[in-house]
């Protein structure tokens, strides 16, 4: 694997867009060059697509949808294509994981795990393609039969972020394809490699031309063209709440449906009766996975005041053994931050937290490390009004607050504009159920962190977005319902007298 990485460094991979079944460069031939955040060496060249490229892809998607070749095809035929893609992802898992590690700096083992789970999502969607169904009503009277049809919504734009490139795309694309939609994908300009590789698998699997188009480039012009187009019926966007608001405004042109997975400030709620060793490990996982660059990161630690001091110390001790370094090194669990701008934002928020009265338990000193490596950091004595308690940091930083009672814990957990996820650590079933029901979040993990299954839906409450992805709900998200009133036998009603 190291040898292969060295060959990539010697000859960076050059990718092409996938439009109407063809692999093409951007208009004008311009490229976006990507350096590995961990190594500072060039690894990829993506097309720097223009608005015209995006519009060509949208037109191809529109034409393919209107033809009905995929939209009204047999679900079993769709399933075969999706299942074949799942197999190709598994066959190429090592290459895909290496691309993601070089472009994102996530540890190689983590990238491989995400690739394999992505294949699971494609397999699940393949099964779901056969299960889509409507309804019927045989109780509308002797002469009327009611049918409820579930149809693909149309052309879907999928705009994905840089932190989990293949995984987040796989939480959306196969489900939209299972529903019968045509799609235009715009991956992040920082991590487009695996999305553009996926195009080759779609081609090999026999997906008809124009059904899925993948266009690399920046948010403006490519993402904006998708949001602005009257030929796009729905947009699935994953990213910041700020950009999500812009997507809502842009969708007004043709009243697009939106599925938005936006920012998060997820609480890890730790009660005194929990398994402390398991909770410490789970809090670290939830707070530092993917260098904390994760929308469902457990970045707010709410801990029972009776155990707070001891828990913080145990947390700090365990974090000291968490190896940070080259993501290609199998012993590394923390890689580099995605870019300098994000690194500087993390540093600034931690400094502001200390200025506002927070106390560093561990980490918080990136100057002791070279490159874009930010050490896992725990901030104690955090108050709810501080920026580190409210803003999404998107780095390996955990802000600790204390509670005295169950009600106070739930109140603190809900004291945020976000509602994407929550983690609860307790051996008391009553507390676990109370938190699960009362915390306003799209996903709640109890005595576990980040366990994922294709069957389970994901999405947010409040300013963390709307809509649901994955599971059977994820396929239904990309459909519309149509009511058909079918007259059975002769029509005896006459609206016009004497007719």
Protein backbone atom coordinates (compact mmCIF):
# COMPACT_ATOMS: atom_id res chain seq x y z
CA UNK A 1 0.00 0.00 0.00
CA UNK A 2 2.86 2.38 0.78
CA UNK A 3 4.41 1.56 -2.63
CA UNK A 4 1.13 2.32 -4.33
CA UNK A 5 0.89 5.63 -2.48
CA UNK A 6 4.38 6.53 -3.63
CA UNK A 7 3.40 5.85 -7.22
CA UNK A 8 0.40 8.14 -6.77
CA UNK A 9 2.70 10.87 -5.46
CA UNK A 10 4.92 10.41 -8.52
CA UNK A 11 1.98 10.56 -10.96
CA UNK A 12 -1.14 12.19 -9.51
CA UNK A 13 -4.39 10.66 -10.75
CA UNK A 14 -6.25 12.69 -13.36
CA UNK A 15 -10.01 12.24 -13.32
CA UNK A 16 -12.79 13.09 -15.79
CA UNK A 17 -16.44 14.03 -15.45
CA UNK A 18 -19.12 11.48 -16.29
CA UNK A 19 -21.86 13.01 -18.42
CA UNK A 20 -24.43 11.16 -20.56
CA UNK A 21 -22.42 7.96 -20.22
CA UNK A 22 -19.16 9.51 -21.42
CA UNK A 23 -15.96 10.43 -19.59
CA UNK A 24 -15.09 14.01 -20.48
CA UNK A 25 -12.87 16.87 -19.32
CA UNK A 26 -14.25 20.18 -18.16
CA UNK A 27 -14.97 22.78 -20.79
CA UNK A 28 -11.67 24.56 -21.35
CA UNK A 29 -9.71 21.69 -19.82
CA UNK A 30 -9.09 23.45 -16.49
CA UNK A 31 -8.43 21.29 -13.41
CA UNK A 32 -8.53 21.48 -9.64
CA UNK A 33 -5.33 20.08 -8.14
CA UNK A 34 -5.53 18.38 -4.75
CA UNK A 35 -2.69 17.88 -2.29
CA UNK A 36 -2.78 15.27 0.45
CA UNK A 37 -3.35 17.16 3.74
CA UNK A 38 -1.11 14.71 5.58
CA UNK A 39 1.77 14.68 3.12
CA UNK A 40 1.63 18.03 1.33
CA UNK A 41 2.07 16.29 -2.01
CA UNK A 42 -0.10 16.43 -5.11
CA UNK A 43 -2.37 13.38 -5.47
CA UNK A 44 -5.31 14.28 -7.74
CA UNK A 45 -6.46 16.47 -10.61
CA UNK A 46 -10.24 16.93 -10.97
CA UNK A 47 -12.11 18.75 -13.73
CA UNK A 48 -12.77 22.40 -12.84
CA UNK A 49 -16.21 22.23 -14.38
CA UNK A 50 -18.09 25.25 -15.67
CA UNK A 51 -21.76 26.14 -15.41
CA UNK A 52 -22.11 24.90 -18.98
CA UNK A 53 -20.76 21.47 -17.93
CA UNK A 54 -23.31 21.30 -15.12
CA UNK A 55 -26.13 22.32 -17.44
CA UNK A 56 -25.09 19.66 -19.95
CA UNK A 57 -25.23 17.05 -17.19
CA UNK A 58 -28.64 18.30 -16.05
CA UNK A 59 -29.95 18.15 -19.61
CA UNK A 60 -28.69 14.56 -19.93
CA UNK A 61 -30.42 13.62 -16.68
CA UNK A 62 -33.64 15.31 -17.76
CA UNK A 63 -33.66 13.56 -21.13
CA UNK A 64 -32.94 10.19 -19.58
CA UNK A 65 -35.71 10.61 -17.05
CA UNK A 66 -38.29 11.71 -19.60
CA UNK A 67 -37.47 8.69 -21.76
CA UNK A 68 -38.73 6.44 -18.97
CA UNK A 69 -36.08 3.82 -19.67
CA UNK A 70 -35.00 3.77 -16.03
CA UNK A 71 -37.89 5.54 -14.32
CA UNK A 72 -40.43 2.91 -15.35
CA UNK A 73 -38.11 -0.08 -15.57
CA UNK A 74 -38.65 -3.29 -13.63
CA UNK A 75 -37.39 -2.97 -10.05
CA UNK A 76 -35.50 -6.23 -10.45
CA UNK A 77 -33.50 -4.76 -13.34
CA UNK A 78 -32.56 -1.76 -11.21
CA UNK A 79 -31.62 -4.11 -8.38
CA UNK A 80 -29.20 -6.02 -10.59
CA UNK A 81 -27.36 -2.84 -11.55
CA UNK A 82 -27.10 -1.65 -7.95
CA UNK A 83 -25.98 -5.07 -6.73
CA UNK A 84 -23.28 -5.17 -9.41
CA UNK A 85 -22.01 -1.76 -8.28
CA UNK A 86 -21.83 -3.05 -4.70
CA UNK A 87 -19.66 -5.92 -5.88
CA UNK A 88 -17.35 -3.61 -7.83
CA UNK A 89 -16.93 -1.37 -4.79
CA UNK A 90 -15.83 -4.40 -2.78
CA UNK A 91 -13.47 -5.56 -5.53
CA UNK A 92 -11.80 -2.16 -5.60
CA UNK A 93 -11.98 -1.44 -1.87
CA UNK A 94 -8.23 -1.09 -1.35
CA UNK A 95 -7.85 1.42 -4.16
CA UNK A 96 -10.88 3.42 -3.06
CA UNK A 97 -9.68 3.49 0.55
CA UNK A 98 -6.24 4.69 -0.52
CA UNK A 99 -7.78 7.51 -2.60
CA UNK A 100 -9.88 8.62 0.37
CA UNK A 101 -6.95 8.47 2.77
CA UNK A 102 -4.75 10.55 0.50
CA UNK A 103 -7.47 13.13 -0.21
CA UNK A 104 -9.04 13.40 3.27
CA UNK A 105 -6.17 12.25 5.54
CA UNK A 106 -8.46 9.84 7.41
CA UNK A 107 -6.64 6.70 8.66
CA UNK A 108 -6.49 3.96 6.05
CA UNK A 109 -8.32 1.37 8.15
CA UNK A 110 -11.16 3.83 8.72
CA UNK A 111 -11.35 4.61 5.01
CA UNK A 112 -11.48 0.90 4.18
CA UNK A 113 -14.29 0.36 6.67
CA UNK A 114 -16.28 3.21 5.13
CA UNK A 115 -15.80 1.77 1.64
CA UNK A 116 -17.08 -1.62 2.75
CA UNK A 117 -20.09 -0.06 4.47
CA UNK A 118 -20.78 1.91 1.29
CA UNK A 119 -21.06 -1.42 -0.54
CA UNK A 120 -23.58 -2.55 2.10
CA UNK A 121 -25.70 0.51 1.33
CA UNK A 122 -25.70 -0.30 -2.38
CA UNK A 123 -26.74 -3.88 -1.58
CA UNK A 124 -29.56 -2.68 0.66
CA UNK A 125 -30.79 -0.23 -1.98
CA UNK A 126 -30.77 -3.06 -4.52
CA UNK A 127 -33.22 -4.98 -2.35
CA UNK A 128 -35.30 -1.86 -1.75
CA UNK A 129 -35.68 -1.35 -5.51
CA UNK A 130 -37.89 -4.46 -5.58
CA UNK A 131 -39.91 -3.41 -2.53
CA UNK A 132 -41.25 -0.01 -3.59
CA UNK A 133 -45.02 -0.14 -3.62
CA UNK A 134 -48.07 2.06 -3.47
CA UNK A 135 -51.50 1.27 -2.07
CA UNK A 136 -55.09 0.64 -3.07
CA UNK A 137 -58.50 1.52 -1.67
CA UNK A 138 -61.36 -0.86 -2.40
CA UNK A 139 -63.79 0.89 -0.06
CA UNK A 140 -64.68 3.94 -2.16
CA UNK A 141 -67.97 2.54 -3.41
CA UNK A 142 -68.99 -0.04 -5.97
CA UNK A 143 -67.97 2.05 -8.95
CA UNK A 144 -64.64 3.45 -7.78
CA UNK A 145 -61.23 1.93 -7.17
CA UNK A 146 -58.53 4.09 -5.61
CA UNK A 147 -54.85 3.53 -6.44
CA UNK A 148 -51.92 5.26 -4.76
CA UNK A 149 -48.87 5.12 -7.01
CA UNK A 150 -45.34 5.78 -5.81
CA UNK A 151 -43.28 7.29 -8.62
CA UNK A 152 -39.71 8.64 -8.89
CA UNK A 153 -39.58 12.35 -8.14
CA UNK A 154 -37.58 13.14 -11.28
CA UNK A 155 -34.12 14.63 -11.68
CA UNK A 156 -32.18 14.80 -8.41
CA UNK A 157 -29.09 16.85 -7.66
CA UNK A 158 -26.83 15.32 -5.00
CA UNK A 159 -24.24 17.67 -3.48
CA UNK A 160 -21.82 15.97 -1.08
CA UNK A 161 -19.17 17.22 1.39
CA UNK A 162 -15.49 16.40 1.77
CA UNK A 163 -15.43 14.49 5.05
CA UNK A 164 -16.98 11.13 4.02
CA UNK A 165 -16.89 11.29 0.21
CA UNK A 166 -17.97 7.81 -0.85
CA UNK A 167 -20.02 6.97 2.24
CA UNK A 168 -22.28 10.03 2.17
CA UNK A 169 -22.77 9.66 -1.58
CA UNK A 170 -23.70 6.00 -1.02
CA UNK A 171 -26.29 7.03 1.56
CA UNK A 172 -28.09 8.87 -1.23
CA UNK A 173 -27.23 7.86 -4.78
CA UNK A 174 -28.24 4.16 -4.75
CA UNK A 175 -31.52 5.03 -3.02
CA UNK A 176 -32.36 7.65 -5.64
CA UNK A 177 -31.47 5.16 -8.36
CA UNK A 178 -33.59 2.48 -6.69
CA UNK A 179 -36.54 4.88 -6.82
CA UNK A 180 -36.05 5.37 -10.57
CA UNK A 181 -34.64 8.89 -10.56
CA UNK A 182 -32.02 10.42 -12.82
CA UNK A 183 -29.21 12.17 -11.02
CA UNK A 184 -26.51 14.82 -11.21
CA UNK A 185 -23.81 14.44 -8.55
CA UNK A 186 -21.53 17.27 -7.47
CA UNK A 187 -18.80 15.98 -5.09
CA UNK A 188 -16.65 18.26 -2.97
CA UNK A 189 -13.82 19.96 -4.82
CA UNK A 190 -11.47 18.71 -2.07
CA UNK A 191 -12.31 15.00 -2.30
CA UNK A 192 -13.82 14.15 -5.69
CA UNK A 193 -11.73 11.07 -6.42
CA UNK A 194 -13.94 8.22 -5.22
CA UNK A 195 -17.12 9.76 -6.68
CA UNK A 196 -15.46 9.97 -10.08
CA UNK A 197 -14.16 6.40 -9.70
CA UNK A 198 -17.71 5.29 -8.94
CA UNK A 199 -18.73 6.46 -12.41
CA UNK A 200 -16.64 3.66 -13.92
CA UNK A 201 -18.50 1.07 -11.84
CA UNK A 202 -21.88 2.49 -12.90
CA UNK A 203 -20.81 2.21 -16.53
CA UNK A 204 -19.54 -1.33 -16.08
CA UNK A 205 -22.72 -2.35 -14.25
CA UNK A 206 -24.82 -1.35 -17.26
CA UNK A 207 -26.57 1.77 -15.97
CA UNK A 208 -28.18 3.44 -19.01
CA UNK A 209 -26.44 6.58 -20.26
CA UNK A 210 -27.54 9.83 -18.67
CA UNK A 211 -29.17 8.29 -15.61
CA UNK A 212 -26.28 9.27 -13.35
CA UNK A 213 -23.95 12.14 -14.18
CA UNK A 214 -21.00 13.14 -11.96
CA UNK A 215 -19.53 16.61 -12.35
CA UNK A 216 -16.56 17.84 -10.31
CA UNK A 217 -16.02 21.50 -9.52
CA UNK A 218 -16.69 24.21 -6.99
CA UNK A 219 -19.99 25.15 -5.38
CA UNK A 220 -20.22 28.13 -7.67
CA UNK A 221 -20.68 27.47 -10.57
CA UNK A 222 -21.50 23.71 -10.43
CA UNK A 223 -23.54 23.42 -7.24
CA UNK A 224 -25.27 26.70 -7.91
CA UNK A 225 -26.30 25.57 -11.39
CA UNK A 226 -27.93 22.48 -9.85
CA UNK A 227 -29.78 24.58 -7.29
CA UNK A 228 -30.91 27.13 -9.86
CA UNK A 229 -32.08 24.76 -12.59
CA UNK A 230 -35.79 24.36 -13.25
CA UNK A 231 -34.96 20.91 -14.68
CA UNK A 232 -33.86 19.63 -11.25
CA UNK A 233 -36.82 18.47 -9.17
CA UNK A 234 -35.03 17.73 -5.91
CA UNK A 235 -31.68 18.42 -4.27
CA UNK A 236 -30.07 16.28 -1.56
CA UNK A 237 -27.42 18.44 0.10
CA UNK A 238 -25.04 17.55 2.91
CA UNK A 239 -22.93 20.30 4.42
CA UNK A 240 -23.02 23.35 6.64
CA UNK A 241 -26.20 25.00 7.87
CA UNK A 242 -25.02 28.24 6.25
CA UNK A 243 -24.93 26.69 2.79
CA UNK A 244 -28.14 24.81 3.58
CA UNK A 245 -29.94 28.12 4.06
CA UNK A 246 -28.61 29.27 0.67
CA UNK A 247 -29.93 26.04 -0.86
CA UNK A 248 -33.38 26.71 0.60
CA UNK A 249 -33.38 30.21 -0.93
CA UNK A 250 -32.21 28.94 -4.32
CA UNK A 251 -34.84 26.18 -4.38
CA UNK A 252 -37.64 28.73 -4.47
CA UNK A 253 -37.29 29.12 -8.24
CA UNK A 254 -39.18 25.93 -9.05
CA UNK A 255 -40.14 24.90 -5.50
CA UNK A 256 -37.59 22.07 -5.41
CA UNK A 257 -37.90 19.42 -2.78
CA UNK A 258 -34.87 19.46 -0.48
CA UNK A 259 -33.30 16.79 1.67
CA UNK A 260 -30.77 18.51 3.91
CA UNK A 261 -28.28 17.01 6.34
CA UNK A 262 -26.62 20.03 7.90
CA UNK A 263 -24.51 20.93 10.92
CA UNK A 264 -24.48 19.30 14.32
CA UNK A 265 -23.37 19.86 17.90
CA UNK A 266 -24.20 16.46 19.29
CA UNK A 267 -24.20 15.72 23.03
CA UNK A 268 -22.66 12.69 24.72
CA UNK A 269 -24.64 12.35 27.97
CA UNK A 270 -22.79 10.32 30.60
CA UNK A 271 -24.59 9.23 33.78
CA UNK A 272 -22.81 8.05 36.92
CA UNK A 273 -24.29 4.55 36.65
CA UNK A 274 -22.75 3.79 33.26
CA UNK A 275 -19.94 1.39 32.38
CA UNK A 276 -17.17 3.98 32.72
CA UNK A 277 -14.60 2.21 30.57
CA UNK A 278 -17.10 1.74 27.75
CA UNK A 279 -18.30 5.33 28.08
CA UNK A 280 -14.78 6.77 27.96
CA UNK A 281 -14.00 4.77 24.84
CA UNK A 282 -17.32 5.71 23.23
CA UNK A 283 -16.93 9.41 24.03
CA UNK A 284 -13.46 9.38 22.45
CA UNK A 285 -14.76 7.61 19.36
CA UNK A 286 -17.73 9.95 18.96
CA UNK A 287 -15.59 13.04 19.53
CA UNK A 288 -12.48 12.26 17.50
CA UNK A 289 -13.53 9.97 14.66
CA UNK A 290 -12.41 11.35 11.31
CA UNK A 291 -10.38 13.97 13.26
CA UNK A 292 -13.68 15.30 14.60
CA UNK A 293 -14.59 16.39 11.06
CA UNK A 294 -17.94 14.72 11.37
CA UNK A 295 -21.40 16.29 11.51
CA UNK A 296 -22.57 13.77 14.13
CA UNK A 297 -19.43 14.13 16.28
CA UNK A 298 -20.12 14.00 20.02
CA UNK A 299 -18.48 17.36 20.56
CA UNK A 300 -20.45 18.27 23.73
CA UNK A 301 -19.75 16.01 26.71
CA UNK A 302 -22.46 16.33 29.37
CA UNK A 303 -21.33 14.40 32.42
CA UNK A 304 -22.89 13.71 35.80
CA UNK A 305 -21.27 16.10 38.30
CA UNK A 306 -20.63 13.21 40.73
CA UNK A 307 -18.12 11.63 38.33
CA UNK A 308 -17.09 14.63 36.22
CA UNK A 309 -13.56 15.14 37.57
CA UNK A 310 -12.66 11.46 37.49
CA UNK A 311 -14.21 11.01 34.05
CA UNK A 312 -12.30 13.95 32.60
CA UNK A 313 -8.99 12.62 33.92
CA UNK A 314 -9.65 9.14 32.58
CA UNK A 315 -10.62 10.67 29.24
CA UNK A 316 -7.38 12.66 29.09
CA UNK A 317 -5.29 9.59 29.96
CA UNK A 318 -6.87 7.55 27.19
CA UNK A 319 -6.50 10.35 24.66
CA UNK A 320 -2.76 10.51 25.33
CA UNK A 321 -2.49 6.95 24.01
CA UNK A 322 -4.44 7.78 20.83
CA UNK A 323 -1.77 7.90 18.14
CA UNK A 324 -1.81 10.90 15.80
CA UNK A 325 0.24 10.72 12.61
CA UNK A 326 0.54 9.61 8.99
CA UNK A 327 -2.86 8.11 8.06
CA UNK A 328 -1.09 5.45 5.99
CA UNK A 329 0.53 4.15 9.18
CA UNK A 330 -1.74 1.37 10.55
CA UNK A 331 -1.13 2.54 14.12
CA UNK A 332 -2.48 6.05 13.48
CA UNK A 333 -6.02 6.87 14.63
CA UNK A 334 -5.89 10.63 14.02
CA UNK A 335 -4.79 12.07 10.67
CA UNK A 336 -4.37 15.62 9.46
CA UNK A 337 -7.09 18.27 9.23
CA UNK A 338 -8.53 18.73 5.73
CA UNK A 339 -6.90 22.11 4.99
CA UNK A 340 -5.24 25.14 6.57
CA UNK A 341 -8.47 27.15 6.80
CA UNK A 342 -10.20 24.46 8.86
CA UNK A 343 -7.10 23.97 11.03
CA UNK A 344 -7.03 27.71 11.77
CA UNK A 345 -10.75 27.72 12.63
CA UNK A 346 -10.31 24.91 15.16
CA UNK A 347 -7.33 26.68 16.73
CA UNK A 348 -9.21 29.97 16.97
CA UNK A 349 -12.28 28.43 18.62
CA UNK A 350 -10.15 26.66 21.23
CA UNK A 351 -8.26 29.87 21.99
CA UNK A 352 -11.54 31.73 22.32
CA UNK A 353 -12.85 29.04 24.66
CA UNK A 354 -9.85 29.41 26.95
CA UNK A 355 -10.23 33.19 26.85
CA UNK A 356 -13.88 32.79 27.87
CA UNK A 357 -12.97 30.64 30.89
CA UNK A 358 -12.66 27.07 29.63
CA UNK A 359 -9.79 24.97 30.93
CA UNK A 360 -7.69 22.66 28.74
CA UNK A 361 -7.49 19.15 30.21
CA UNK A 362 -5.42 17.78 27.33
CA UNK A 363 -4.38 18.78 23.82
CA UNK A 364 -4.99 22.31 22.60
CA UNK A 365 -1.38 22.94 21.61
CA UNK A 366 -0.99 22.36 17.86
CA UNK A 367 2.30 24.27 17.77
CA UNK A 368 4.01 21.17 19.17
CA UNK A 369 3.16 19.26 15.99
CA UNK A 370 4.22 19.83 12.41
CA UNK A 371 1.75 20.00 9.55
CA UNK A 372 -2.03 20.08 9.82
CA UNK A 373 -2.26 17.76 12.82
CA UNK A 374 -4.51 19.07 15.60
CA UNK A 375 -4.23 17.07 18.85
CA UNK A 376 -7.38 15.66 20.48
CA UNK A 377 -8.48 18.31 22.97
CA UNK A 378 -10.74 18.30 26.03
CA UNK A 379 -12.05 21.60 27.39
CA UNK A 380 -13.47 21.60 30.93
CA UNK A 381 -15.46 24.27 32.79
CA UNK A 382 -17.38 25.10 29.61
CA UNK A 383 -20.55 27.16 30.01
CA UNK A 384 -23.57 26.79 27.68
CA UNK A 385 -23.17 30.32 26.27
CA UNK A 386 -19.58 29.86 25.10
CA UNK A 387 -18.84 29.54 21.39
CA UNK A 388 -17.15 26.16 21.96
CA UNK A 389 -20.45 24.92 23.42
CA UNK A 390 -22.59 26.25 20.60
CA UNK A 391 -20.62 26.33 17.35
CA UNK A 392 -19.76 23.30 15.24
CA UNK A 393 -15.96 23.12 15.54
CA UNK A 394 -15.38 20.25 13.08
CA UNK A 395 -12.19 19.15 14.81
CA UNK A 396 -11.15 16.71 17.57
CA UNK A 397 -12.35 18.97 20.39
CA UNK A 398 -14.74 17.94 23.20
CA UNK A 399 -16.35 20.59 25.42
CA UNK A 400 -17.32 19.35 28.90
CA UNK A 401 -20.32 20.55 30.89
CA UNK A 402 -21.78 19.09 34.09
CA UNK A 403 -25.34 18.28 35.16
CA UNK A 404 -26.99 17.32 38.45
CA UNK A 405 -30.29 15.72 37.38
CA UNK A 406 -31.84 13.87 34.45
CA UNK A 407 -33.98 16.88 33.55
CA UNK A 408 -30.93 19.15 33.56
CA UNK A 409 -29.05 16.69 31.33
CA UNK A 410 -31.86 16.66 28.78
CA UNK A 411 -32.19 20.44 28.93
CA UNK A 412 -28.46 20.85 28.22
CA UNK A 413 -28.63 18.27 25.44
CA UNK A 414 -31.41 20.25 23.76
CA UNK A 415 -29.76 23.65 24.35
CA UNK A 416 -28.56 23.96 20.77
CA UNK A 417 -29.92 25.03 17.41
CA UNK A 418 -28.87 21.65 16.05
CA UNK A 419 -30.43 18.21 16.39
CA UNK A 420 -28.50 15.68 14.36
CA UNK A 421 -27.42 13.03 16.89
CA UNK A 422 -26.96 12.21 20.58
CA UNK A 423 -25.14 9.60 22.65
CA UNK A 424 -26.37 8.35 26.04
CA UNK A 425 -24.35 6.28 28.50
CA UNK A 426 -26.29 4.66 31.35
CA UNK A 427 -27.20 1.23 32.68
CA UNK A 428 -30.60 2.53 33.82
CA UNK A 429 -33.22 1.58 31.23
CA UNK A 430 -35.59 4.30 32.40
CA UNK A 431 -32.95 7.01 31.88
CA UNK A 432 -32.01 5.57 28.50
CA UNK A 433 -35.60 5.60 27.27
CA UNK A 434 -36.32 9.04 28.71
CA UNK A 435 -33.29 10.53 26.96
CA UNK A 436 -34.06 8.73 23.71
CA UNK A 437 -37.59 10.13 23.68
CA UNK A 438 -36.91 13.64 24.95
CA UNK A 439 -33.64 14.63 23.26
CA UNK A 440 -34.42 16.39 19.99
CA UNK A 441 -32.13 14.58 17.58
CA UNK A 442 -32.49 12.46 14.46
CA UNK A 443 -30.35 9.64 15.85
CA UNK A 444 -29.68 8.53 19.41
CA UNK A 445 -27.07 5.94 20.37
CA UNK A 446 -27.44 4.30 23.80
CA UNK A 447 -24.30 2.67 25.21
CA UNK A 448 -22.79 2.68 21.76
CA UNK A 449 -21.19 5.14 19.39
CA UNK A 450 -21.67 5.39 15.65
CA UNK A 451 -22.95 1.87 15.04
CA UNK A 452 -24.42 2.01 11.54
CA UNK A 453 -26.90 -0.14 9.64
CA UNK A 454 -28.40 0.40 6.16
CA UNK A 455 -31.85 -0.34 7.58
CA UNK A 456 -31.84 2.68 9.90
CA UNK A 457 -32.77 6.18 8.66
CA UNK A 458 -30.62 9.23 9.23
CA UNK A 459 -31.40 12.94 9.29
CA UNK A 460 -31.77 15.89 11.62
CA UNK A 461 -34.13 17.93 13.75
CA UNK A 462 -34.15 21.73 13.96
CA UNK A 463 -31.34 23.44 12.00
CA UNK A 464 -29.64 20.12 11.32
CA UNK A 465 -31.85 19.70 8.30
CA UNK A 466 -34.90 17.89 7.02
CA UNK A 467 -35.72 14.69 5.18
CA UNK A 468 -34.42 11.20 5.86
CA UNK A 469 -31.83 9.08 4.07
CA UNK A 470 -31.17 5.30 4.04
CA UNK A 471 -33.50 2.52 5.08
CA UNK A 472 -36.83 2.16 3.32
CA UNK A 473 -37.46 5.81 4.17
CA UNK A 474 -34.40 6.72 2.12
CA UNK A 475 -35.93 5.30 -1.06
CA UNK A 476 -39.32 6.85 -0.35
CA UNK A 477 -37.58 10.24 0.05
CA UNK A 478 -36.93 10.23 -3.71
CA UNK A 479 -40.51 9.48 -4.72
CA UNK A 480 -43.82 11.26 -5.17
CA UNK A 481 -47.27 9.86 -4.43
CA UNK A 482 -50.01 10.00 -7.05
CA UNK A 483 -53.69 9.26 -6.44
CA UNK A 484 -55.62 7.53 -9.22
CA UNK A 485 -59.43 7.47 -9.06
CA UNK A 486 -60.44 4.62 -11.34
CA UNK A 487 -64.10 4.42 -12.35
CA UNK A 488 -65.22 0.81 -12.60
CA UNK A 489 -68.14 0.19 -14.91
CA UNK A 490 -70.41 2.81 -16.51
CA UNK A 491 -70.31 6.41 -15.27
CA UNK A 492 -73.86 7.33 -14.28
CA UNK A 493 -73.23 10.75 -12.76
CA UNK A 494 -74.06 13.71 -15.04
CA UNK A 495 -72.70 17.13 -14.16
CA UNK A 496 -74.64 18.78 -16.94
CA UNK A 497 -78.39 18.16 -16.71
CA UNK A 498 -79.78 16.26 -19.65
CA UNK A 499 -76.41 15.05 -20.91
